[in-house]
């Protein structure tokens, strides 16, 4: 989606709280991208001898792990969209605020 030209946008306290919720979701997603693989590696190798580590490598569901890792961006995006939709439903928003949250919901941006 192309970003709309929004001039004179003024965000209120609820908008700032929603943006902070989006930041928290993004930080949590980034943390999961690190913790999930570390947890799998710890389960396989920590405190195990070579035979046990070999068995753990063989018995780990790598397809499920790969699927879980690949869905993280979608989960984060869904949370961002949910926060934006909740803001859009607020009755007291200005036209510019609605444009802004609609752009957030529809993925406006260069990322």
PDB file of N, CA and C in Angstrom:
ATOM      1  N   UNK A   1       0.837  -1.174   0.000  1.00  0.00           N
ATOM      2  CA  UNK A   1       0.000   0.000   0.000  1.00  0.00           C
ATOM      3  C   UNK A   1       0.880   1.235   0.000  1.00  0.00           C
ATOM      4  N   UNK A   2       0.511   2.193  -0.799  1.00  0.00           N
ATOM      5  CA  UNK A   2       1.225   3.464  -0.807  1.00  0.00           C
ATOM      6  C   UNK A   2       0.773   4.286   0.395  1.00  0.00           C
ATOM      7  N   UNK A   3       1.725   4.946   1.026  1.00  0.00           N
ATOM      8  CA  UNK A   3       1.418   5.735   2.218  1.00  0.00           C
ATOM      9  C   UNK A   3       0.660   6.999   1.847  1.00  0.00           C
ATOM     10  N   UNK A   4      -0.409   7.298   2.588  1.00  0.00           N
ATOM     11  CA  UNK A   4      -1.135   8.539   2.316  1.00  0.00           C
ATOM     12  C   UNK A   4      -0.339   9.742   2.820  1.00  0.00           C
ATOM     13  N   UNK A   5      -0.607  10.871   2.228  1.00  0.00           N
ATOM     14  CA  UNK A   5       0.013  12.112   2.683  1.00  0.00           C
ATOM     15  C   UNK A   5      -0.868  12.670   3.797  1.00  0.00           C
ATOM     16  N   UNK A   6      -0.398  12.530   5.025  1.00  0.00           N
ATOM     17  CA  UNK A   6      -1.182  12.978   6.176  1.00  0.00           C
ATOM     18  C   UNK A   6      -0.511  14.218   6.759  1.00  0.00           C
ATOM     19  N   UNK A   7      -1.173  15.352   6.589  1.00  0.00           N
ATOM     20  CA  UNK A   7      -0.623  16.572   7.176  1.00  0.00           C
ATOM     21  C   UNK A   7      -1.443  16.930   8.410  1.00  0.00           C
ATOM     22  N   UNK A   8      -0.831  17.598   9.313  1.00  0.00           N
ATOM     23  CA  UNK A   8      -1.430  18.056  10.572  1.00  0.00           C
ATOM     24  C   UNK A   8      -1.975  16.902  11.424  1.00  0.00           C
ATOM     25  N   UNK A   9      -1.285  15.787  11.405  1.00  0.00           N
ATOM     26  CA  UNK A   9      -1.669  14.653  12.251  1.00  0.00           C
ATOM     27  C   UNK A   9      -1.278  14.957  13.694  1.00  0.00           C
ATOM     28  N   UNK A  10      -2.237  14.811  14.571  1.00  0.00           N
ATOM     29  CA  UNK A  10      -1.975  14.968  15.988  1.00  0.00           C
ATOM     30  C   UNK A  10      -2.410  13.681  16.686  1.00  0.00           C
ATOM     31  N   UNK A  11      -1.448  13.013  17.323  1.00  0.00           N
ATOM     32  CA  UNK A  11      -1.750  11.782  18.019  1.00  0.00           C
ATOM     33  C   UNK A  11      -2.109  12.088  19.469  1.00  0.00           C
ATOM     34  N   UNK A  12      -3.125  11.421  19.969  1.00  0.00           N
ATOM     35  CA  UNK A  12      -3.508  11.615  21.365  1.00  0.00           C
ATOM     36  C   UNK A  12      -2.873  10.535  22.238  1.00  0.00           C
ATOM     37  N   UNK A  13      -3.199  10.574  23.507  1.00  0.00           N
ATOM     38  CA  UNK A  13      -2.605   9.637  24.469  1.00  0.00           C
ATOM     39  C   UNK A  13      -2.912   8.177  24.111  1.00  0.00           C
ATOM     40  N   UNK A  14      -4.136   7.917  23.702  1.00  0.00           N
ATOM     41  CA  UNK A  14      -4.510   6.547  23.323  1.00  0.00           C
ATOM     42  C   UNK A  14      -3.726   6.080  22.098  1.00  0.00           C
ATOM     43  N   UNK A  15      -3.466   6.984  21.165  1.00  0.00           N
ATOM     44  CA  UNK A  15      -2.646   6.647  19.997  1.00  0.00           C
ATOM     45  C   UNK A  15      -1.233   6.279  20.438  1.00  0.00           C
ATOM     46  N   UNK A  16      -0.680   7.064  21.346  1.00  0.00           N
ATOM     47  CA  UNK A  16       0.674   6.796  21.835  1.00  0.00           C
ATOM     48  C   UNK A  16       0.737   5.462  22.577  1.00  0.00           C
ATOM     49  N   UNK A  17      -0.311   5.155  23.341  1.00  0.00           N
ATOM     50  CA  UNK A  17      -0.365   3.859  24.024  1.00  0.00           C
ATOM     51  C   UNK A  17      -0.455   2.713  23.016  1.00  0.00           C
ATOM     52  N   UNK A  18      -1.222   2.912  21.955  1.00  0.00           N
ATOM     53  CA  UNK A  18      -1.330   1.888  20.914  1.00  0.00           C
ATOM     54  C   UNK A  18       0.014   1.685  20.217  1.00  0.00           C
ATOM     55  N   UNK A  19       0.722   2.775  19.958  1.00  0.00           N
ATOM     56  CA  UNK A  19       2.048   2.661  19.342  1.00  0.00           C
ATOM     57  C   UNK A  19       3.015   1.933  20.272  1.00  0.00           C
ATOM     58  N   UNK A  20       2.910   2.178  21.555  1.00  0.00           N
ATOM     59  CA  UNK A  20       3.756   1.461  22.518  1.00  0.00           C
ATOM     60  C   UNK A  20       3.409  -0.028  22.540  1.00  0.00           C
ATOM     61  N   UNK A  21       2.132  -0.358  22.405  1.00  0.00           N
ATOM     62  CA  UNK A  21       1.718  -1.765  22.329  1.00  0.00           C
ATOM     63  C   UNK A  21       2.313  -2.428  21.087  1.00  0.00           C
ATOM     64  N   UNK A  22       2.354  -1.705  19.980  1.00  0.00           N
ATOM     65  CA  UNK A  22       2.962  -2.229  18.756  1.00  0.00           C
ATOM     66  C   UNK A  22       4.458  -2.446  18.965  1.00  0.00           C
ATOM     67  N   UNK A  23       5.122  -1.501  19.619  1.00  0.00           N
ATOM     68  CA  UNK A  23       6.558  -1.663  19.907  1.00  0.00           C
ATOM     69  C   UNK A  23       6.803  -2.888  20.784  1.00  0.00           C
ATOM     70  N   UNK A  24       5.938  -3.094  21.786  1.00  0.00           N
ATOM     71  CA  UNK A  24       6.081  -4.271  22.661  1.00  0.00           C
ATOM     72  C   UNK A  24       5.931  -5.563  21.865  1.00  0.00           C
ATOM     73  N   UNK A  25       4.967  -5.601  20.965  1.00  0.00           N
ATOM     74  CA  UNK A  25       4.765  -6.797  20.139  1.00  0.00           C
ATOM     75  C   UNK A  25       5.981  -7.056  19.260  1.00  0.00           C
ATOM     76  N   UNK A  26       6.553  -6.001  18.704  1.00  0.00           N
ATOM     77  CA  UNK A  26       7.735  -6.166  17.858  1.00  0.00           C
ATOM     78  C   UNK A  26       8.941  -6.636  18.680  1.00  0.00           C
ATOM     79  N   UNK A  27       9.111  -6.079  19.881  1.00  0.00           N
ATOM     80  CA  UNK A  27      10.216  -6.520  20.742  1.00  0.00           C
ATOM     81  C   UNK A  27      10.037  -7.971  21.167  1.00  0.00           C
ATOM     82  N   UNK A  28       8.799  -8.347  21.491  1.00  0.00           N
ATOM     83  CA  UNK A  28       8.531  -9.737  21.877  1.00  0.00           C
ATOM     84  C   UNK A  28       8.833 -10.684  20.728  1.00  0.00           C
ATOM     85  N   UNK A  29       8.474 -10.288  19.523  1.00  0.00           N
ATOM     86  CA  UNK A  29       8.773 -11.111  18.347  1.00  0.00           C
ATOM     87  C   UNK A  29      10.263 -11.260  18.134  1.00  0.00           C
ATOM     88  N   UNK A  30      10.995 -10.173  18.303  1.00  0.00           N
ATOM     89  CA  UNK A  30      12.454 -10.235  18.150  1.00  0.00           C
ATOM     90  C   UNK A  30      13.065 -11.140  19.212  1.00  0.00           C
ATOM     91  N   UNK A  31      12.547 -11.061  20.415  1.00  0.00           N
ATOM     92  CA  UNK A  31      13.035 -11.918  21.491  1.00  0.00           C
ATOM     93  C   UNK A  31      12.755 -13.393  21.191  1.00  0.00           C
ATOM     94  N   UNK A  32      11.561 -13.678  20.697  1.00  0.00           N
ATOM     95  CA  UNK A  32      11.229 -15.069  20.347  1.00  0.00           C
ATOM     96  C   UNK A  32      12.135 -15.609  19.251  1.00  0.00           C
ATOM     97  N   UNK A  33      12.524 -14.761  18.308  1.00  0.00           N
ATOM     98  CA  UNK A  33      13.415 -15.199  17.228  1.00  0.00           C
ATOM     99  C   UNK A  33      14.772 -15.646  17.760  1.00  0.00           C
ATOM    100  N   UNK A  34      15.151 -15.171  18.931  1.00  0.00           N
ATOM    101  CA  UNK A  34      16.411 -15.567  19.550  1.00  0.00           C
ATOM    102  C   UNK A  34      16.204 -16.729  20.519  1.00  0.00           C
ATOM    103  N   UNK A  35      15.154 -16.642  21.322  1.00  0.00           N
ATOM    104  CA  UNK A  35      14.940 -17.616  22.391  1.00  0.00           C
ATOM    105  C   UNK A  35      14.532 -18.987  21.853  1.00  0.00           C
ATOM    106  N   UNK A  36      13.703 -19.018  20.837  1.00  0.00           N
ATOM    107  CA  UNK A  36      13.243 -20.320  20.321  1.00  0.00           C
ATOM    108  C   UNK A  36      14.407 -21.190  19.846  1.00  0.00           C
ATOM    109  N   UNK A  37      15.292 -20.692  18.983  1.00  0.00           N
ATOM    110  CA  UNK A  37      16.415 -21.545  18.580  1.00  0.00           C
ATOM    111  C   UNK A  37      17.341 -21.889  19.743  1.00  0.00           C
ATOM    112  N   UNK A  38      17.553 -20.942  20.645  1.00  0.00           N
ATOM    113  CA  UNK A  38      18.414 -21.219  21.801  1.00  0.00           C
ATOM    114  C   UNK A  38      17.820 -22.326  22.662  1.00  0.00           C
ATOM    115  N   UNK A  39      16.513 -22.309  22.826  1.00  0.00           N
ATOM    116  CA  UNK A  39      15.851 -23.354  23.608  1.00  0.00           C
ATOM    117  C   UNK A  39      16.004 -24.728  22.976  1.00  0.00           C
ATOM    118  N   UNK A  40      15.869 -24.789  21.671  1.00  0.00           N
ATOM    119  CA  UNK A  40      16.033 -26.076  20.975  1.00  0.00           C
ATOM    120  C   UNK A  40      17.473 -26.572  21.119  1.00  0.00           C
ATOM    121  N   UNK A  41      18.438 -25.687  20.928  1.00  0.00           N
ATOM    122  CA  UNK A  41      19.846 -26.080  21.067  1.00  0.00           C
ATOM    123  C   UNK A  41      20.164 -26.524  22.495  1.00  0.00           C
ATOM    124  N   UNK A  42      19.604 -25.819  23.472  1.00  0.00           N
ATOM    125  CA  UNK A  42      19.829 -26.207  24.867  1.00  0.00           C
ATOM    126  C   UNK A  42      19.236 -27.579  25.147  1.00  0.00           C
ATOM    127  N   UNK A  43      18.048 -27.834  24.627  1.00  0.00           N
ATOM    128  CA  UNK A  43      17.412 -29.134  24.831  1.00  0.00           C
ATOM    129  C   UNK A  43      18.251 -30.250  24.220  1.00  0.00           C
ATOM    130  N   UNK A  44      18.841 -29.994  23.095  1.00  0.00           N
ATOM    131  CA  UNK A  44      19.627 -31.021  22.412  1.00  0.00           C
ATOM    132  C   UNK A  44      20.952 -31.269  23.112  1.00  0.00           C
ATOM    133  N   UNK A  45      21.677 -30.209  23.457  1.00  0.00           N
ATOM    134  CA  UNK A  45      23.070 -30.373  23.861  1.00  0.00           C
ATOM    135  C   UNK A  45      23.363 -30.234  25.355  1.00  0.00           C
ATOM    136  N   UNK A  46      22.661 -29.420  26.085  1.00  0.00           N
ATOM    137  CA  UNK A  46      23.049 -29.162  27.477  1.00  0.00           C
ATOM    138  C   UNK A  46      22.902 -30.397  28.361  1.00  0.00           C
ATOM    139  N   UNK A  47      23.987 -30.742  29.020  1.00  0.00           N
ATOM    140  CA  UNK A  47      23.981 -31.844  29.971  1.00  0.00           C
ATOM    141  C   UNK A  47      23.869 -33.221  29.362  1.00  0.00           C
ATOM    142  N   UNK A  48      24.062 -33.330  28.078  1.00  0.00           N
ATOM    143  CA  UNK A  48      23.923 -34.628  27.404  1.00  0.00           C
ATOM    144  C   UNK A  48      25.264 -35.083  26.840  1.00  0.00           C
ATOM    145  N   UNK A  49      25.440 -36.403  26.850  1.00  0.00           N
ATOM    146  CA  UNK A  49      26.627 -36.953  26.194  1.00  0.00           C
ATOM    147  C   UNK A  49      26.361 -37.027  24.689  1.00  0.00           C
ATOM    148  N   UNK A  50      27.337 -37.471  23.944  1.00  0.00           N
ATOM    149  CA  UNK A  50      27.232 -37.500  22.481  1.00  0.00           C
ATOM    150  C   UNK A  50      26.075 -38.370  22.001  1.00  0.00           C
ATOM    151  N   UNK A  51      25.876 -39.505  22.633  1.00  0.00           N
ATOM    152  CA  UNK A  51      24.800 -40.405  22.208  1.00  0.00           C
ATOM    153  C   UNK A  51      23.431 -39.765  22.445  1.00  0.00           C
ATOM    154  N   UNK A  52      23.265 -39.153  23.609  1.00  0.00           N
ATOM    155  CA  UNK A  52      21.990 -38.506  23.914  1.00  0.00           C
ATOM    156  C   UNK A  52      21.752 -37.317  22.988  1.00  0.00           C
ATOM    157  N   UNK A  53      22.802 -36.539  22.709  1.00  0.00           N
ATOM    158  CA  UNK A  53      22.671 -35.402  21.799  1.00  0.00           C
ATOM    159  C   UNK A  53      22.289 -35.877  20.398  1.00  0.00           C
ATOM    160  N   UNK A  54      22.885 -36.973  19.957  1.00  0.00           N
ATOM    161  CA  UNK A  54      22.554 -37.534  18.644  1.00  0.00           C
ATOM    162  C   UNK A  54      21.090 -37.954  18.596  1.00  0.00           C
ATOM    163  N   UNK A  55      20.631 -38.612  19.658  1.00  0.00           N
ATOM    164  CA  UNK A  55      19.227 -39.020  19.725  1.00  0.00           C
ATOM    165  C   UNK A  55      18.315 -37.788  19.716  1.00  0.00           C
ATOM    166  N   UNK A  56      18.683 -36.751  20.482  1.00  0.00           N
ATOM    167  CA  UNK A  56      17.866 -35.535  20.544  1.00  0.00           C
ATOM    168  C   UNK A  56      17.789 -34.841  19.184  1.00  0.00           C
ATOM    169  N   UNK A  57      18.902 -34.820  18.462  1.00  0.00           N
ATOM    170  CA  UNK A  57      18.906 -34.223  17.120  1.00  0.00           C
ATOM    171  C   UNK A  57      17.959 -34.991  16.210  1.00  0.00           C
ATOM    172  N   UNK A  58      18.031 -36.319  16.294  1.00  0.00           N
ATOM    173  CA  UNK A  58      17.195 -37.167  15.447  1.00  0.00           C
ATOM    174  C   UNK A  58      15.712 -37.025  15.799  1.00  0.00           C
ATOM    175  N   UNK A  59      15.401 -36.904  17.086  1.00  0.00           N
ATOM    176  CA  UNK A  59      13.999 -36.903  17.499  1.00  0.00           C
ATOM    177  C   UNK A  59      13.359 -35.510  17.514  1.00  0.00           C
ATOM    178  N   UNK A  60      14.131 -34.472  17.296  1.00  0.00           N
ATOM    179  CA  UNK A  60      13.570 -33.127  17.255  1.00  0.00           C
ATOM    180  C   UNK A  60      12.736 -32.964  15.989  1.00  0.00           C
ATOM    181  N   UNK A  61      11.566 -32.378  16.141  1.00  0.00           N
ATOM    182  CA  UNK A  61      10.683 -32.150  14.999  1.00  0.00           C
ATOM    183  C   UNK A  61      11.122 -30.858  14.307  1.00  0.00           C
ATOM    184  N   UNK A  62      12.045 -30.999  13.349  1.00  0.00           N
ATOM    185  CA  UNK A  62      12.624 -29.841  12.681  1.00  0.00           C
ATOM    186  C   UNK A  62      11.622 -29.149  11.773  1.00  0.00           C
ATOM    187  N   UNK A  63      10.683 -29.898  11.234  1.00  0.00           N
ATOM    188  CA  UNK A  63       9.657 -29.295  10.373  1.00  0.00           C
ATOM    189  C   UNK A  63       8.762 -28.379  11.204  1.00  0.00           C
ATOM    190  N   UNK A  64       8.346 -28.860  12.364  1.00  0.00           N
ATOM    191  CA  UNK A  64       7.524 -28.047  13.250  1.00  0.00           C
ATOM    192  C   UNK A  64       8.295 -26.818  13.727  1.00  0.00           C
ATOM    193  N   UNK A  65       9.566 -27.008  14.059  1.00  0.00           N
ATOM    194  CA  UNK A  65      10.396 -25.889  14.486  1.00  0.00           C
ATOM    195  C   UNK A  65      10.507 -24.845  13.372  1.00  0.00           C
ATOM    196  N   UNK A  66      10.777 -25.277  12.164  1.00  0.00           N
ATOM    197  CA  UNK A  66      10.889 -24.350  11.031  1.00  0.00           C
ATOM    198  C   UNK A  66       9.565 -23.624  10.790  1.00  0.00           C
ATOM    199  N   UNK A  67       8.473 -24.355  10.916  1.00  0.00           N
ATOM    200  CA  UNK A  67       7.155 -23.735  10.738  1.00  0.00           C
ATOM    201  C   UNK A  67       6.911 -22.679  11.816  1.00  0.00           C
ATOM    202  N   UNK A  68       7.242 -22.991  13.056  1.00  0.00           N
ATOM    203  CA  UNK A  68       7.065 -22.039  14.154  1.00  0.00           C
ATOM    204  C   UNK A  68       7.899 -20.784  13.921  1.00  0.00           C
ATOM    205  N   UNK A  69       9.133 -20.958  13.493  1.00  0.00           N
ATOM    206  CA  UNK A  69       9.999 -19.807  13.235  1.00  0.00           C
ATOM    207  C   UNK A  69       9.467 -18.968  12.066  1.00  0.00           C
ATOM    208  N   UNK A  70       8.945 -19.623  11.057  1.00  0.00           N
ATOM    209  CA  UNK A  70       8.487 -18.885   9.875  1.00  0.00           C
ATOM    210  C   UNK A  70       7.178 -18.132  10.123  1.00  0.00           C
ATOM    211  N   UNK A  71       6.405 -18.536  11.123  1.00  0.00           N
ATOM    212  CA  UNK A  71       5.140 -17.854  11.387  1.00  0.00           C
ATOM    213  C   UNK A  71       5.289 -16.652  12.316  1.00  0.00           C
ATOM    214  N   UNK A  72       6.452 -16.471  12.926  1.00  0.00           N
ATOM    215  CA  UNK A  72       6.636 -15.335  13.828  1.00  0.00           C
ATOM    216  C   UNK A  72       6.329 -13.987  13.174  1.00  0.00           C
ATOM    217  N   UNK A  73       6.859 -13.690  11.986  1.00  0.00           N
ATOM    218  CA  UNK A  73       6.533 -12.387  11.374  1.00  0.00           C
ATOM    219  C   UNK A  73       5.025 -12.205  11.148  1.00  0.00           C
ATOM    220  N   UNK A  74       4.330 -13.264  10.781  1.00  0.00           N
ATOM    221  CA  UNK A  74       2.879 -13.175  10.568  1.00  0.00           C
ATOM    222  C   UNK A  74       2.154 -12.902  11.883  1.00  0.00           C
ATOM    223  N   UNK A  75       2.623 -13.515  12.955  1.00  0.00           N
ATOM    224  CA  UNK A  75       2.005 -13.285  14.263  1.00  0.00           C
ATOM    225  C   UNK A  75       2.198 -11.833  14.704  1.00  0.00           C
ATOM    226  N   UNK A  76       3.374 -11.306  14.491  1.00  0.00           N
ATOM    227  CA  UNK A  76       3.651  -9.916  14.860  1.00  0.00           C
ATOM    228  C   UNK A  76       2.785  -8.982  14.015  1.00  0.00           C
ATOM    229  N   UNK A  77       2.743  -9.241  12.720  1.00  0.00           N
ATOM    230  CA  UNK A  77       1.938  -8.409  11.821  1.00  0.00           C
ATOM    231  C   UNK A  77       0.464  -8.458  12.210  1.00  0.00           C
ATOM    232  N   UNK A  78      -0.035  -9.629  12.602  1.00  0.00           N
ATOM    233  CA  UNK A  78      -1.431  -9.756  13.018  1.00  0.00           C
ATOM    234  C   UNK A  78      -1.701  -8.914  14.266  1.00  0.00           C
ATOM    235  N   UNK A  79      -0.761  -8.888  15.197  1.00  0.00           N
ATOM    236  CA  UNK A  79      -0.937  -8.076  16.405  1.00  0.00           C
ATOM    237  C   UNK A  79      -0.931  -6.592  16.067  1.00  0.00           C
ATOM    238  N   UNK A  80      -0.046  -6.167  15.180  1.00  0.00           N
ATOM    239  CA  UNK A  80      -0.010  -4.762  14.753  1.00  0.00           C
ATOM    240  C   UNK A  80      -1.349  -4.392  14.112  1.00  0.00           C
ATOM    241  N   UNK A  81      -1.846  -5.255  13.246  1.00  0.00           N
ATOM    242  CA  UNK A  81      -3.123  -5.008  12.588  1.00  0.00           C
ATOM    243  C   UNK A  81      -4.266  -4.937  13.600  1.00  0.00           C
ATOM    244  N   UNK A  82      -4.247  -5.815  14.582  1.00  0.00           N
ATOM    245  CA  UNK A  82      -5.293  -5.822  15.610  1.00  0.00           C
ATOM    246  C   UNK A  82      -5.304  -4.509  16.395  1.00  0.00           C
ATOM    247  N   UNK A  83      -4.129  -4.041  16.789  1.00  0.00           N
ATOM    248  CA  UNK A  83      -4.034  -2.774  17.525  1.00  0.00           C
ATOM    249  C   UNK A  83      -4.563  -1.627  16.657  1.00  0.00           C
ATOM    250  N   UNK A  84      -4.176  -1.610  15.393  1.00  0.00           N
ATOM    251  CA  UNK A  84      -4.626  -0.544  14.489  1.00  0.00           C
ATOM    252  C   UNK A  84      -6.145  -0.584  14.301  1.00  0.00           C
ATOM    253  N   UNK A  85      -6.704  -1.762  14.145  1.00  0.00           N
ATOM    254  CA  UNK A  85      -8.154  -1.889  13.949  1.00  0.00           C
ATOM    255  C   UNK A  85      -8.921  -1.418  15.177  1.00  0.00           C
ATOM    256  N   UNK A  86      -8.399  -1.714  16.346  1.00  0.00           N
ATOM    257  CA  UNK A  86      -9.051  -1.254  17.572  1.00  0.00           C
ATOM    258  C   UNK A  86      -9.061   0.270  17.616  1.00  0.00           C
ATOM    259  N   UNK A  87      -7.948   0.884  17.212  1.00  0.00           N
ATOM    260  CA  UNK A  87      -7.906   2.351  17.188  1.00  0.00           C
ATOM    261  C   UNK A  87      -8.873   2.909  16.147  1.00  0.00           C
ATOM    262  N   UNK A  88      -8.985   2.262  14.999  1.00  0.00           N
ATOM    263  CA  UNK A  88      -9.887   2.737  13.945  1.00  0.00           C
ATOM    264  C   UNK A  88     -11.334   2.738  14.441  1.00  0.00           C
ATOM    265  N   UNK A  89     -11.678   1.788  15.293  1.00  0.00           N
ATOM    266  CA  UNK A  89     -13.047   1.689  15.799  1.00  0.00           C
ATOM    267  C   UNK A  89     -13.389   2.751  16.833  1.00  0.00           C
ATOM    268  N   UNK A  90     -12.395   3.499  17.287  1.00  0.00           N
ATOM    269  CA  UNK A  90     -12.635   4.553  18.263  1.00  0.00           C
ATOM    270  C   UNK A  90     -13.427   5.679  17.602  1.00  0.00           C
ATOM    271  N   UNK A  91     -14.484   6.084  18.230  1.00  0.00           N
ATOM    272  CA  UNK A  91     -15.382   7.070  17.628  1.00  0.00           C
ATOM    273  C   UNK A  91     -14.860   8.490  17.595  1.00  0.00           C
ATOM    274  N   UNK A  92     -13.904   8.822  18.431  1.00  0.00           N
ATOM    275  CA  UNK A  92     -13.485  10.224  18.545  1.00  0.00           C
ATOM    276  C   UNK A  92     -12.247  10.574  17.724  1.00  0.00           C
ATOM    277  N   UNK A  93     -11.880   9.753  16.770  1.00  0.00           N
ATOM    278  CA  UNK A  93     -10.678  10.023  15.970  1.00  0.00           C
ATOM    279  C   UNK A  93     -10.932  11.087  14.916  1.00  0.00           C
ATOM    280  N   UNK A  94      -9.901  11.853  14.652  1.00  0.00           N
ATOM    281  CA  UNK A  94      -9.965  12.805  13.541  1.00  0.00           C
ATOM    282  C   UNK A  94      -9.771  12.043  12.226  1.00  0.00           C
ATOM    283  N   UNK A  95     -10.032  12.731  11.130  1.00  0.00           N
ATOM    284  CA  UNK A  95      -9.844  12.117   9.814  1.00  0.00           C
ATOM    285  C   UNK A  95      -8.383  11.698   9.618  1.00  0.00           C
ATOM    286  N   UNK A  96      -7.451  12.545  10.067  1.00  0.00           N
ATOM    287  CA  UNK A  96      -6.022  12.251   9.922  1.00  0.00           C
ATOM    288  C   UNK A  96      -5.616  11.032  10.749  1.00  0.00           C
ATOM    289  N   UNK A  97      -6.179  10.940  11.961  1.00  0.00           N
ATOM    290  CA  UNK A  97      -5.881   9.770  12.797  1.00  0.00           C
ATOM    291  C   UNK A  97      -6.397   8.487  12.129  1.00  0.00           C
ATOM    292  N   UNK A  98      -7.593   8.548  11.584  1.00  0.00           N
ATOM    293  CA  UNK A  98      -8.138   7.367  10.886  1.00  0.00           C
ATOM    294  C   UNK A  98      -7.262   6.982   9.689  1.00  0.00           C
ATOM    295  N   UNK A  99      -6.804   7.985   8.934  1.00  0.00           N
ATOM    296  CA  UNK A  99      -5.905   7.707   7.818  1.00  0.00           C
ATOM    297  C   UNK A  99      -4.636   7.012   8.316  1.00  0.00           C
ATOM    298  N   UNK A 100      -4.077   7.534   9.391  1.00  0.00           N
ATOM    299  CA  UNK A 100      -2.849   6.974   9.953  1.00  0.00           C
ATOM    300  C   UNK A 100      -3.042   5.520  10.360  1.00  0.00           C
ATOM    301  N   UNK A 101      -4.083   5.235  11.133  1.00  0.00           N
ATOM    302  CA  UNK A 101      -4.288   3.862  11.615  1.00  0.00           C
ATOM    303  C   UNK A 101      -4.687   2.920  10.492  1.00  0.00           C
ATOM    304  N   UNK A 102      -5.391   3.426   9.502  1.00  0.00           N
ATOM    305  CA  UNK A 102      -5.703   2.600   8.335  1.00  0.00           C
ATOM    306  C   UNK A 102      -4.422   2.246   7.591  1.00  0.00           C
ATOM    307  N   UNK A 103      -3.502   3.205   7.475  1.00  0.00           N
ATOM    308  CA  UNK A 103      -2.221   2.938   6.825  1.00  0.00           C
ATOM    309  C   UNK A 103      -1.406   1.924   7.629  1.00  0.00           C
ATOM    310  N   UNK A 104      -1.425   2.035   8.950  1.00  0.00           N
ATOM    311  CA  UNK A 104      -0.726   1.049   9.791  1.00  0.00           C
ATOM    312  C   UNK A 104      -1.343  -0.330   9.587  1.00  0.00           C
ATOM    313  N   UNK A 105      -2.656  -0.400   9.587  1.00  0.00           N
ATOM    314  CA  UNK A 105      -3.356  -1.677   9.431  1.00  0.00           C
ATOM    315  C   UNK A 105      -3.066  -2.316   8.072  1.00  0.00           C
ATOM    316  N   UNK A 106      -3.000  -1.511   7.031  1.00  0.00           N
ATOM    317  CA  UNK A 106      -2.804  -2.042   5.682  1.00  0.00           C
ATOM    318  C   UNK A 106      -1.344  -2.195   5.273  1.00  0.00           C
ATOM    319  N   UNK A 107      -0.438  -1.922   6.181  1.00  0.00           N
ATOM    320  CA  UNK A 107       0.965  -2.171   5.897  1.00  0.00           C
ATOM    321  C   UNK A 107       1.658  -1.070   5.134  1.00  0.00           C
ATOM    322  N   UNK A 108       1.224   0.141   5.284  1.00  0.00           N
ATOM    323  CA  UNK A 108       1.899   1.248   4.630  1.00  0.00           C
ATOM    324  C   UNK A 108       3.306   1.376   5.190  1.00  0.00           C
ATOM    325  N   UNK A 109       4.276   1.578   4.343  1.00  0.00           N
ATOM    326  CA  UNK A 109       5.634   1.787   4.807  1.00  0.00           C
ATOM    327  C   UNK A 109       6.632   1.166   3.877  1.00  0.00           C
ATOM    328  N   UNK A 110       7.881   1.411   4.189  1.00  0.00           N
ATOM    329  CA  UNK A 110       8.960   0.938   3.331  1.00  0.00           C
ATOM    330  C   UNK A 110       9.630  -0.314   3.831  1.00  0.00           C
ATOM    331  N   UNK A 111       8.973  -1.086   4.681  1.00  0.00           N
ATOM    332  CA  UNK A 111       9.612  -2.300   5.210  1.00  0.00           C
ATOM    333  C   UNK A 111       9.117  -3.539   4.544  1.00  0.00           C
TER     334      UNK A 111
END
